[in-house]
Amino acid sequence: MKHLKIFDTTLRDGEQSPGCSMHINEKIELALQLEKLKVDIIEAGFAASSEGDFNSIATIAERIKDCTVASLSRALIADIDKSYQAIKKAVSPRIHIFLATSPLHMQYKLKMSEEDVLKRIEESVKYAKTKVSDVEFSAEDASRSDRAFLAKAFEAAIRSGATVINMPDTVGYCTPNEMYSLARFIKENVKGADKVDLSAHNHNDLGLGVANTLAMIEAGITQAECTVNGIGERAGNASLEEIVMAVNTRPYLYNAETRIKTKEIYKTCKLVSNIIGVNIHPTKPIVGANAFAHESGIHQHGVLAKKETYEILSPEAVGIPENKIVLGKHSGMHAFAEHLADMGYHEISGEKLQELFGEFKRLCDVKKSVSNKDIEALLTNKSLEKNLLYSLENFVINCKKGNAYAAVSIKCGGDAVKTVIQDGDGPIDSAFLAVDRIVGKSFVLTDYGVQSVTEGQDALGESYVRLGLEGGESVIGRGVSTDVIESGILAYIDAVNKLLA
């Protein structure tokens, strides 16, 4: 079987999805999780697009040891230089160059002739090759390009030193039959195609992103570009978890296998969901809450008799934790650490373990029972807390019909605690306004939500806010508590810290 490389572009293409921007600490956290997931390539960003992207790519390139780290570049010398500077310290660096090849894009966007495009491809790939040995060339809008010209473009890239040739369905226009045909055409008609990796990058505008990618894998491509939870521009990208589990479940159909640690899939999907503040839909394949739920009596009977009657893969295979009571208030730190390891969190130790154990003990004091999902929520909430400018010390809410007052105490910087009493339209509004007064800035709240982690009146509440400064970029803040007002305040302060860091 061929090895299918998984090229994850969650940090680049996924982040371009409206409302899915990530803080640098979140990008690093996700990159480290992608490394644990064992993706082959992490596209860490577009270095020339902003100073923030450049810095996060550079940091990820230094931290990641077991994956190739790529930076996207237009077919411009300045972009390639920026990408090289960002990834030069990576163990395995890649420069990913793209240029459109469809008549539509060449005429109206690039305003370049076919000859000009071929020349630009040669020049840019040759230049990138002087910087790194691994160069990918993507023909933007390949699926709507003239095939004869597309073959010339790919041959020019290969002659100039490209090691990967990518044929994107940039606008999600094509069907599986068409993408299978395109992959076979390139494989059979482009000189040197057998010496490089052939890659798929399919968008999901018609809901065919994964199907198109699987068709191209069947046709013989050796790299699949995708994102966690399928996030991305417009309707998103082909979903990493769906591609991987389709290949994993039907390896002989696709004659392929990946190196993905499938038990890390759920953890990765949940992390992305929490970072961007977008819940995983219940019917999402592989990781949705309903993916392994059976309500129909016929289905329940079949599954109880033999799981394979209605389950083609098990929740354990993708790392979905069983929601059962496992620890209590009398459990010790050793048992807690052992249980974290059983859940797949082997790396937690030292000071971080002590902090999490303290949070766990506090949760045991207010909850009748603590489940794996509760522990998972605590882990997610604590994973990104670093060098906080502000932290919640205490709060008191007083409500009566038509009025609400919040007394909020926040630790600012070192040990100084500042308290403000503020009225508002409700407990959340008054608490958020109190935080604004303490910080000394007026923030723009564009979204706020809360959901329960488990069932029952004592369930943990997971809150998120989308917060920004007037005219500036917004960030996602998260908070977890059995008190939904406290979780909201924690989420708001988390967002404030990200904005002001």
Protein backbone atom coordinates (compact mmCIF):
# COMPACT_ATOMS: atom_id res chain seq x y z
CA MET A 1 0.00 0.00 0.00
CA LYS A 2 1.12 3.54 -0.71
CA HIS A 3 1.74 5.96 2.14
CA LEU A 4 -0.80 8.78 1.92
CA LYS A 5 0.66 11.99 3.33
CA ILE A 6 -1.75 14.14 5.33
CA PHE A 7 -1.15 17.85 4.74
CA ASP A 8 -3.03 19.82 7.40
CA THR A 9 -3.86 23.42 6.54
CA THR A 10 -6.10 24.24 9.53
CA LEU A 11 -3.68 26.96 10.65
CA ARG A 12 -3.65 28.57 7.20
CA ASP A 13 -6.71 27.82 5.05
CA GLY A 14 -8.85 26.91 8.04
CA GLU A 15 -8.07 30.16 9.83
CA GLN A 16 -9.17 32.13 6.76
CA SER A 17 -12.73 31.07 7.51
CA PRO A 18 -14.65 34.14 8.80
CA GLY A 19 -14.54 34.25 12.58
CA CYS A 20 -11.95 31.48 12.91
CA SER A 21 -8.84 33.56 13.63
CA MET A 22 -6.53 32.18 16.31
CA HIS A 23 -4.24 33.72 18.91
CA ILE A 24 -0.53 32.83 18.59
CA ASN A 25 -0.63 30.68 21.76
CA GLU A 26 -3.62 28.80 20.34
CA LYS A 27 -1.81 28.22 17.04
CA ILE A 28 1.19 26.78 18.87
CA GLU A 29 -1.05 24.58 21.03
CA LEU A 30 -2.84 23.28 17.94
CA ALA A 31 0.41 22.70 16.02
CA LEU A 32 1.74 20.59 18.90
CA GLN A 33 -1.49 18.58 18.92
CA LEU A 34 -1.26 18.08 15.14
CA GLU A 35 2.25 16.73 15.72
CA LYS A 36 0.81 14.24 18.24
CA LEU A 37 -1.85 13.35 15.68
CA LYS A 38 1.05 12.52 13.34
CA VAL A 39 0.08 14.61 10.33
CA ASP A 40 2.90 14.63 7.78
CA ILE A 41 2.84 18.35 6.94
CA ILE A 42 1.58 21.33 8.93
CA GLU A 43 0.90 24.41 6.81
CA ALA A 44 1.48 26.91 9.58
CA GLY A 45 0.35 30.04 7.74
CA PHE A 46 1.02 32.63 5.06
CA ALA A 47 4.20 34.39 6.23
CA ALA A 48 3.86 37.44 3.97
CA SER A 49 0.28 38.15 5.00
CA SER A 50 1.03 39.73 8.41
CA GLU A 51 3.64 40.10 11.12
CA GLY A 52 1.48 37.95 13.41
CA ASP A 53 1.37 35.11 10.88
CA PHE A 54 5.14 35.36 10.34
CA ASN A 55 5.83 35.16 14.09
CA SER A 56 3.51 32.21 14.67
CA ILE A 57 4.99 30.27 11.72
CA ALA A 58 8.52 30.94 12.98
CA THR A 59 7.63 29.77 16.50
CA ILE A 60 5.87 26.64 15.22
CA ALA A 61 8.82 25.87 12.89
CA GLU A 62 11.17 25.88 15.90
CA ARG A 63 8.89 23.80 18.13
CA ILE A 64 7.79 21.04 15.72
CA LYS A 65 10.21 18.12 15.35
CA ASP A 66 8.19 15.30 13.76
CA CYS A 67 6.36 17.02 10.88
CA THR A 68 7.26 19.10 7.86
CA VAL A 69 6.34 22.77 8.44
CA ALA A 70 5.17 24.72 5.38
CA SER A 71 4.49 28.38 4.66
CA LEU A 72 2.30 29.53 1.78
CA SER A 73 3.69 32.02 -0.75
CA ARG A 74 2.47 33.75 -3.84
CA ALA A 75 4.78 33.25 -6.82
CA LEU A 76 6.73 36.34 -5.76
CA ILE A 77 10.35 36.64 -4.62
CA ALA A 78 9.36 38.79 -1.62
CA ASP A 79 6.82 36.20 -0.44
CA ILE A 80 9.30 33.36 -0.85
CA ASP A 81 11.91 35.26 1.17
CA LYS A 82 9.37 35.84 3.95
CA SER A 83 8.40 32.17 3.99
CA TYR A 84 12.02 31.07 4.14
CA GLN A 85 12.80 33.39 7.03
CA ALA A 86 9.79 32.00 8.92
CA ILE A 87 10.51 28.28 8.37
CA LYS A 88 14.31 28.19 8.11
CA LYS A 89 14.71 26.71 11.62
CA ALA A 90 12.27 23.87 10.96
CA VAL A 91 13.59 20.31 11.04
CA SER A 92 11.81 19.78 7.69
CA PRO A 93 10.88 23.09 5.98
CA ARG A 94 8.67 23.45 2.90
CA ILE A 95 7.79 26.48 0.77
CA HIS A 96 4.35 26.20 -0.82
CA ILE A 97 3.93 28.40 -3.92
CA PHE A 98 0.63 29.00 -5.68
CA LEU A 99 -0.38 30.66 -8.94
CA ALA A 100 -3.68 30.47 -10.81
CA THR A 101 -3.84 28.58 -14.10
CA SER A 102 -7.50 28.78 -15.18
CA PRO A 103 -8.48 31.10 -18.05
CA LEU A 104 -10.90 32.90 -15.73
CA HIS A 105 -8.25 33.69 -13.11
CA MET A 106 -5.47 34.47 -15.59
CA GLN A 107 -7.62 36.95 -17.50
CA TYR A 108 -9.53 38.72 -14.74
CA LYS A 109 -7.40 38.35 -11.61
CA LEU A 110 -3.79 37.98 -12.75
CA LYS A 111 -4.13 39.76 -16.11
CA MET A 112 -1.33 37.50 -17.37
CA SER A 113 -0.90 35.45 -20.53
CA GLU A 114 -0.19 31.72 -20.49
CA GLU A 115 3.46 32.44 -21.36
CA ASP A 116 3.75 34.90 -18.47
CA VAL A 117 2.28 32.35 -16.04
CA LEU A 118 4.67 29.61 -17.16
CA LYS A 119 7.63 31.97 -16.82
CA ARG A 120 6.52 33.06 -13.32
CA ILE A 121 6.15 29.42 -12.23
CA GLU A 122 9.68 28.58 -13.40
CA GLU A 123 11.24 31.65 -11.79
CA SER A 124 9.49 31.31 -8.45
CA VAL A 125 10.01 27.56 -8.02
CA LYS A 126 13.69 27.82 -9.04
CA TYR A 127 14.21 30.63 -6.54
CA ALA A 128 12.43 28.74 -3.73
CA LYS A 129 14.59 25.71 -4.51
CA THR A 130 17.71 27.77 -3.65
CA LYS A 131 16.24 28.23 -0.16
CA VAL A 132 14.83 24.77 0.67
CA SER A 133 14.87 21.33 -0.92
CA ASP A 134 11.12 20.75 -0.48
CA VAL A 135 8.98 22.98 -2.72
CA GLU A 136 5.28 22.51 -3.44
CA PHE A 137 3.55 24.15 -6.40
CA SER A 138 -0.24 24.59 -6.44
CA ALA A 139 -2.11 25.52 -9.60
CA GLU A 140 -4.93 27.60 -8.14
CA ASP A 141 -8.28 26.73 -9.78
CA ALA A 142 -6.69 23.68 -11.39
CA SER A 143 -10.07 21.98 -11.73
CA ARG A 144 -11.29 24.70 -14.13
CA SER A 145 -8.00 24.99 -16.04
CA ASP A 146 -7.37 23.81 -19.59
CA ARG A 147 -5.77 20.40 -19.08
CA ALA A 148 -3.14 20.79 -21.80
CA PHE A 149 -2.00 24.09 -20.28
CA LEU A 150 -2.19 22.67 -16.75
CA ALA A 151 0.15 19.86 -17.81
CA LYS A 152 2.61 22.47 -19.16
CA ALA A 153 2.42 24.40 -15.88
CA PHE A 154 3.13 21.30 -13.80
CA GLU A 155 5.99 20.24 -16.08
CA ALA A 156 7.52 23.71 -15.70
CA ALA A 157 7.27 23.40 -11.91
CA ILE A 158 8.80 19.91 -11.87
CA ARG A 159 11.68 20.97 -14.18
CA SER A 160 12.35 23.88 -11.83
CA GLY A 161 12.63 21.61 -8.79
CA ALA A 162 9.12 21.17 -7.32
CA THR A 163 8.77 18.08 -5.15
CA VAL A 164 4.97 18.27 -4.77
CA ILE A 165 2.35 19.14 -7.40
CA ASN A 166 -1.05 20.15 -6.08
CA MET A 167 -4.26 20.27 -8.15
CA PRO A 168 -6.89 22.17 -6.15
CA ASP A 169 -10.60 22.36 -6.75
CA THR A 170 -10.36 25.89 -5.35
CA VAL A 171 -14.05 26.78 -5.55
CA GLY A 172 -15.50 23.32 -4.86
CA TYR A 173 -17.02 23.11 -8.34
CA CYS A 174 -16.22 19.58 -9.49
CA THR A 175 -17.59 16.11 -8.88
CA PRO A 176 -15.69 12.95 -7.81
CA ASN A 177 -15.65 11.57 -11.37
CA GLU A 178 -14.12 14.80 -12.68
CA MET A 179 -11.43 14.95 -9.98
CA TYR A 180 -10.59 11.27 -10.47
CA SER A 181 -10.21 11.96 -14.20
CA LEU A 182 -8.03 15.04 -13.54
CA ALA A 183 -5.71 13.13 -11.21
CA ARG A 184 -5.35 10.28 -13.72
CA PHE A 185 -4.67 12.74 -16.55
CA ILE A 186 -1.88 14.49 -14.64
CA LYS A 187 -0.41 11.20 -13.46
CA GLU A 188 -0.32 9.81 -17.02
CA ASN A 189 0.50 12.92 -19.09
CA VAL A 190 2.89 15.10 -17.09
CA LYS A 191 6.61 14.34 -17.49
CA GLY A 192 8.17 13.70 -14.10
CA ALA A 193 4.83 13.17 -12.34
CA ASP A 194 6.09 9.79 -11.14
CA LYS A 195 9.02 11.51 -9.38
CA VAL A 196 6.95 13.87 -7.20
CA ASP A 197 4.02 13.72 -4.79
CA LEU A 198 0.67 14.45 -6.44
CA SER A 199 -1.69 16.28 -4.10
CA ALA A 200 -5.42 17.03 -3.70
CA HIS A 201 -6.89 20.20 -2.17
CA ASN A 202 -10.68 20.23 -2.41
CA HIS A 203 -13.14 22.79 -1.11
CA ASN A 204 -16.61 21.85 0.02
CA ASP A 205 -18.93 24.34 -1.72
CA LEU A 206 -21.13 21.54 -3.11
CA GLY A 207 -20.54 19.22 -0.15
CA LEU A 208 -18.11 17.09 -2.17
CA GLY A 209 -14.75 18.02 -0.64
CA VAL A 210 -14.12 14.66 1.03
CA ALA A 211 -15.66 12.64 -1.82
CA ASN A 212 -13.48 14.44 -4.38
CA THR A 213 -10.36 13.83 -2.28
CA LEU A 214 -11.15 10.14 -1.87
CA ALA A 215 -11.69 9.84 -5.63
CA MET A 216 -8.25 11.37 -6.21
CA ILE A 217 -6.68 8.99 -3.68
CA GLU A 218 -8.26 6.11 -5.59
CA ALA A 219 -6.74 7.63 -8.77
CA GLY A 220 -3.26 7.51 -7.24
CA ILE A 221 -2.44 10.82 -5.54
CA THR A 222 -0.07 10.57 -2.56
CA GLN A 223 -0.93 13.69 -0.54
CA ALA A 224 -4.30 14.92 0.77
CA GLU A 225 -4.69 18.52 1.92
CA CYS A 226 -7.40 19.01 4.52
CA THR A 227 -8.43 20.76 7.73
CA VAL A 228 -9.61 19.62 11.16
CA ASN A 229 -13.43 19.71 11.33
CA GLY A 230 -13.37 20.74 7.65
CA ILE A 231 -13.11 24.45 8.54
CA GLY A 232 -12.07 26.88 5.82
CA GLU A 233 -13.25 29.59 3.48
CA ARG A 234 -16.91 29.63 2.41
CA ALA A 235 -18.28 26.09 2.99
CA GLY A 236 -14.91 24.84 4.22
CA ASN A 237 -12.32 22.29 3.15
CA ALA A 238 -12.17 18.52 2.95
CA SER A 239 -12.28 17.22 6.52
CA LEU A 240 -9.13 15.57 7.86
CA GLU A 241 -10.92 13.18 10.19
CA GLU A 242 -13.35 12.03 7.49
CA ILE A 243 -10.61 11.38 4.91
CA VAL A 244 -8.40 9.56 7.41
CA MET A 245 -11.16 7.32 8.77
CA ALA A 246 -12.50 6.53 5.28
CA VAL A 247 -9.02 5.37 4.26
CA ASN A 248 -8.52 3.62 7.60
CA THR A 249 -11.86 1.80 7.31
CA ARG A 250 -11.47 0.88 3.62
CA PRO A 251 -7.67 0.64 3.07
CA TYR A 252 -7.83 -1.92 0.27
CA LEU A 253 -10.33 0.15 -1.70
CA TYR A 254 -7.95 3.12 -1.72
CA ASN A 255 -4.71 1.10 -1.63
CA ALA A 256 -3.44 3.59 0.95
CA GLU A 257 -2.59 4.01 4.59
CA THR A 258 -1.69 7.01 6.74
CA ARG A 259 0.49 7.40 9.82
CA ILE A 260 -2.28 9.24 11.70
CA LYS A 261 -2.81 8.24 15.35
CA THR A 262 -6.55 7.93 15.10
CA LYS A 263 -7.06 7.95 18.87
CA GLU A 264 -5.89 11.59 18.82
CA ILE A 265 -8.62 12.63 16.34
CA TYR A 266 -11.38 13.52 18.79
CA LYS A 267 -9.02 15.46 21.04
CA THR A 268 -7.77 17.46 18.03
CA CYS A 269 -11.27 18.18 16.74
CA LYS A 270 -12.43 19.29 20.19
CA LEU A 271 -9.40 21.57 20.56
CA VAL A 272 -10.12 23.29 17.24
CA SER A 273 -13.79 23.66 18.17
CA ASN A 274 -12.90 25.31 21.47
CA ILE A 275 -10.26 27.60 19.94
CA ILE A 276 -12.55 29.03 17.25
CA GLY A 277 -15.69 29.00 19.41
CA VAL A 278 -17.71 26.90 16.94
CA ASN A 279 -19.37 23.77 18.29
CA ILE A 280 -19.04 20.48 16.45
CA HIS A 281 -22.44 19.76 14.86
CA PRO A 282 -24.17 16.73 16.45
CA THR A 283 -24.42 14.92 13.10
CA LYS A 284 -20.83 15.67 12.05
CA PRO A 285 -19.32 12.40 10.78
CA ILE A 286 -16.68 10.73 12.98
CA VAL A 287 -16.74 13.17 15.94
CA GLY A 288 -20.30 14.54 16.22
CA ALA A 289 -22.26 13.78 19.39
CA ASN A 290 -24.75 11.68 17.41
CA ALA A 291 -22.15 9.80 15.35
CA PHE A 292 -22.34 6.82 17.73
CA ALA A 293 -25.81 7.41 19.20
CA HIS A 294 -28.69 5.06 18.38
CA GLU A 295 -32.27 6.11 19.16
CA SER A 296 -34.22 3.92 16.73
CA GLY A 297 -35.43 0.72 18.40
CA ILE A 298 -34.31 -1.39 15.44
CA HIS A 299 -30.83 0.17 15.56
CA GLN A 300 -30.57 -0.25 19.33
CA HIS A 301 -31.50 -3.92 19.07
CA GLY A 302 -28.92 -4.50 16.33
CA VAL A 303 -26.11 -2.68 18.15
CA LEU A 304 -26.81 -4.51 21.40
CA ALA A 305 -26.68 -7.81 19.56
CA LYS A 306 -23.52 -6.92 17.63
CA LYS A 307 -22.01 -3.43 17.30
CA GLU A 308 -21.01 -3.95 13.67
CA THR A 309 -24.68 -4.05 12.62
CA TYR A 310 -24.82 -0.23 12.69
CA GLU A 311 -21.30 0.90 13.64
CA ILE A 312 -18.59 0.67 10.99
CA LEU A 313 -16.00 2.07 13.40
CA SER A 314 -15.85 2.40 17.16
CA PRO A 315 -15.79 5.61 19.21
CA GLU A 316 -12.64 4.29 20.91
CA ALA A 317 -10.87 4.20 17.51
CA VAL A 318 -11.01 8.00 17.24
CA GLY A 319 -10.39 8.66 20.93
CA ILE A 320 -13.91 9.58 22.04
CA PRO A 321 -13.85 9.15 25.82
CA GLU A 322 -16.51 7.06 27.46
CA ASN A 323 -18.66 9.31 29.63
CA LYS A 324 -18.55 7.50 32.94
CA ILE A 325 -17.79 8.34 36.59
CA VAL A 326 -14.21 7.41 37.30
CA LEU A 327 -12.82 9.56 40.10
CA GLY A 328 -14.10 11.33 43.19
CA LYS A 329 -13.15 13.87 45.85
CA HIS A 330 -11.14 11.27 47.76
CA SER A 331 -8.96 10.30 44.77
CA GLY A 332 -5.26 11.11 45.02
CA MET A 333 -2.99 12.84 42.52
CA HIS A 334 -1.39 9.55 41.43
CA ALA A 335 -4.77 8.07 40.50
CA PHE A 336 -5.68 11.33 38.73
CA ALA A 337 -2.43 11.24 36.72
CA GLU A 338 -3.00 7.59 35.82
CA HIS A 339 -6.48 8.38 34.61
CA LEU A 340 -5.26 11.31 32.50
CA ALA A 341 -2.80 8.91 30.86
CA ASP A 342 -5.66 6.47 30.16
CA MET A 343 -7.51 9.35 28.45
CA GLY A 344 -4.48 9.94 26.23
CA TYR A 345 -2.93 12.89 28.11
CA HIS A 346 0.43 11.28 28.85
CA GLU A 347 2.48 14.49 28.79
CA ILE A 348 0.86 16.25 31.78
CA SER A 349 3.13 16.36 34.82
CA GLY A 350 4.78 18.62 37.36
CA GLU A 351 3.26 22.04 38.05
CA LYS A 352 0.62 21.66 35.34
CA LEU A 353 -0.56 18.39 36.88
CA GLN A 354 -0.79 19.99 40.32
CA GLU A 355 -2.85 22.90 38.95
CA LEU A 356 -5.23 20.55 37.14
CA PHE A 357 -5.55 18.32 40.20
CA GLY A 358 -6.50 21.40 42.25
CA GLU A 359 -9.17 22.32 39.68
CA PHE A 360 -10.42 18.72 39.73
CA LYS A 361 -10.71 18.74 43.54
CA ARG A 362 -12.63 22.04 43.45
CA LEU A 363 -14.97 20.54 40.86
CA CYS A 364 -15.53 17.47 43.05
CA ASP A 365 -16.69 19.77 45.85
CA VAL A 366 -19.52 21.22 43.74
CA LYS A 367 -20.47 18.29 41.48
CA LYS A 368 -22.10 15.04 42.53
CA SER A 369 -20.11 13.09 39.96
CA VAL A 370 -17.19 13.89 37.68
CA SER A 371 -17.02 12.35 34.21
CA ASN A 372 -14.36 12.13 31.53
CA LYS A 373 -16.05 14.96 29.65
CA ASP A 374 -15.79 17.17 32.75
CA ILE A 375 -12.08 16.41 33.04
CA GLU A 376 -11.63 17.04 29.31
CA ALA A 377 -13.31 20.44 29.68
CA LEU A 378 -10.94 21.34 32.53
CA LEU A 379 -7.96 20.31 30.39
CA THR A 380 -9.09 22.41 27.45
CA ASN A 381 -9.76 25.40 29.66
CA LYS A 382 -6.36 25.27 31.37
CA SER A 383 -4.22 24.39 28.34
CA LEU A 384 -3.85 27.92 26.99
CA GLU A 385 -3.53 29.94 30.22
CA LYS A 386 -0.12 31.62 30.16
CA ASN A 387 1.21 34.89 31.54
CA LEU A 388 -2.24 36.32 32.22
CA LEU A 389 -2.54 40.09 32.51
CA TYR A 390 -5.86 39.76 34.33
CA SER A 391 -7.44 36.92 36.32
CA LEU A 392 -10.75 36.64 38.16
CA GLU A 393 -10.43 36.88 41.92
CA ASN A 394 -14.09 37.02 42.99
CA PHE A 395 -17.53 38.26 41.95
CA VAL A 396 -20.96 38.87 43.47
CA ILE A 397 -24.15 39.27 41.45
CA ASN A 398 -27.30 41.01 42.76
CA CYS A 399 -30.41 40.89 40.58
CA LYS A 400 -33.95 42.11 40.93
CA LYS A 401 -36.61 42.85 38.34
CA GLY A 402 -35.29 45.46 35.94
CA ASN A 403 -31.86 45.80 37.60
CA ALA A 404 -28.65 43.83 38.01
CA TYR A 405 -25.44 44.72 39.83
CA ALA A 406 -22.10 42.96 39.63
CA ALA A 407 -19.21 43.43 42.05
CA VAL A 408 -16.20 42.03 40.22
CA SER A 409 -12.69 41.68 41.68
CA ILE A 410 -9.80 41.09 39.28
CA LYS A 411 -6.13 40.47 39.94
CA CYS A 412 -4.21 42.86 37.68
CA GLY A 413 -0.66 41.89 36.74
CA GLY A 414 1.06 40.95 39.98
CA ASP A 415 -0.90 40.79 43.24
CA ALA A 416 -2.90 44.01 42.96
CA VAL A 417 -6.66 43.36 43.11
CA LYS A 418 -9.14 45.91 41.80
CA THR A 419 -12.89 45.77 42.52
CA VAL A 420 -15.66 47.57 40.64
CA ILE A 421 -19.42 47.60 41.21
CA GLN A 422 -21.39 48.05 37.99
CA ASP A 423 -25.05 47.98 37.01
CA GLY A 424 -26.33 46.58 33.71
CA ASP A 425 -29.23 45.00 31.86
CA GLY A 426 -28.55 41.62 33.45
CA PRO A 427 -25.89 39.70 35.41
CA ILE A 428 -23.72 39.02 32.35
CA ASP A 429 -23.98 42.57 30.98
CA SER A 430 -23.15 44.16 34.35
CA ALA A 431 -20.21 41.78 34.93
CA PHE A 432 -18.74 42.41 31.47
CA LEU A 433 -19.08 46.19 31.92
CA ALA A 434 -17.31 45.89 35.29
CA VAL A 435 -14.38 44.13 33.60
CA ASP A 436 -14.24 46.93 31.01
CA ARG A 437 -13.99 49.53 33.79
CA ILE A 438 -11.23 47.63 35.59
CA VAL A 439 -9.20 47.21 32.40
CA GLY A 440 -9.87 50.79 31.31
CA LYS A 441 -11.01 49.94 27.79
CA SER A 442 -14.30 49.58 25.96
CA PHE A 443 -14.55 46.27 24.12
CA VAL A 444 -16.94 45.22 21.36
CA LEU A 445 -18.81 41.99 22.15
CA THR A 446 -20.11 40.36 18.95
CA ASP A 447 -21.07 36.91 20.23
CA TYR A 448 -21.67 35.08 23.49
CA GLY A 449 -22.79 31.51 24.11
CA VAL A 450 -22.90 28.82 26.75
CA GLN A 451 -23.47 25.06 26.62
CA SER A 452 -23.44 22.24 29.14
CA VAL A 453 -20.58 19.75 29.08
CA THR A 454 -22.59 16.90 30.61
CA GLU A 455 -26.16 16.35 31.83
CA GLY A 456 -27.74 17.46 35.08
CA GLN A 457 -28.22 20.63 37.11
CA ASP A 458 -24.61 20.51 38.32
CA ALA A 459 -23.15 20.18 34.81
CA LEU A 460 -20.13 22.23 33.84
CA GLY A 461 -21.03 25.20 31.66
CA GLU A 462 -18.68 26.03 28.77
CA SER A 463 -18.95 29.68 27.77
CA TYR A 464 -17.38 31.48 24.85
CA VAL A 465 -17.30 35.12 23.77
CA ARG A 466 -16.15 36.81 20.60
CA LEU A 467 -14.56 40.10 21.61
CA GLY A 468 -12.69 42.88 19.85
CA LEU A 469 -11.60 46.49 20.01
CA GLU A 470 -13.39 49.10 17.88
CA GLY A 471 -12.23 48.65 14.27
CA GLY A 472 -9.84 45.83 15.21
CA GLU A 473 -9.69 42.05 14.94
CA SER A 474 -11.80 39.91 17.26
CA VAL A 475 -10.70 36.93 19.36
CA ILE A 476 -12.44 34.01 21.06
CA GLY A 477 -12.41 33.71 24.84
CA ARG A 478 -13.43 30.57 26.74
CA GLY A 479 -14.37 29.74 30.31
CA VAL A 480 -15.60 26.66 32.20
CA SER A 481 -17.44 26.49 35.51
CA THR A 482 -20.47 24.87 37.14
CA ASP A 483 -21.70 28.48 37.50
CA VAL A 484 -22.59 29.72 34.01
CA ILE A 485 -22.19 33.37 35.04
CA GLU A 486 -18.67 32.63 36.29
CA SER A 487 -17.87 30.74 33.08
CA GLY A 488 -19.04 33.78 31.11
CA ILE A 489 -16.83 36.16 33.11
CA LEU A 490 -13.87 33.79 32.74
CA ALA A 491 -14.45 33.66 28.97
CA TYR A 492 -14.62 37.46 28.78
CA ILE A 493 -11.39 37.89 30.75
CA ASP A 494 -9.72 35.22 28.60
CA ALA A 495 -10.59 37.24 25.49
CA VAL A 496 -9.37 40.47 27.11
CA ASN A 497 -6.01 38.83 27.87
CA LYS A 498 -5.65 37.69 24.26
CA LEU A 499 -6.50 41.12 22.88
CA LEU A 500 -4.06 42.93 25.15
CA ALA A 501 -1.23 40.37 25.20
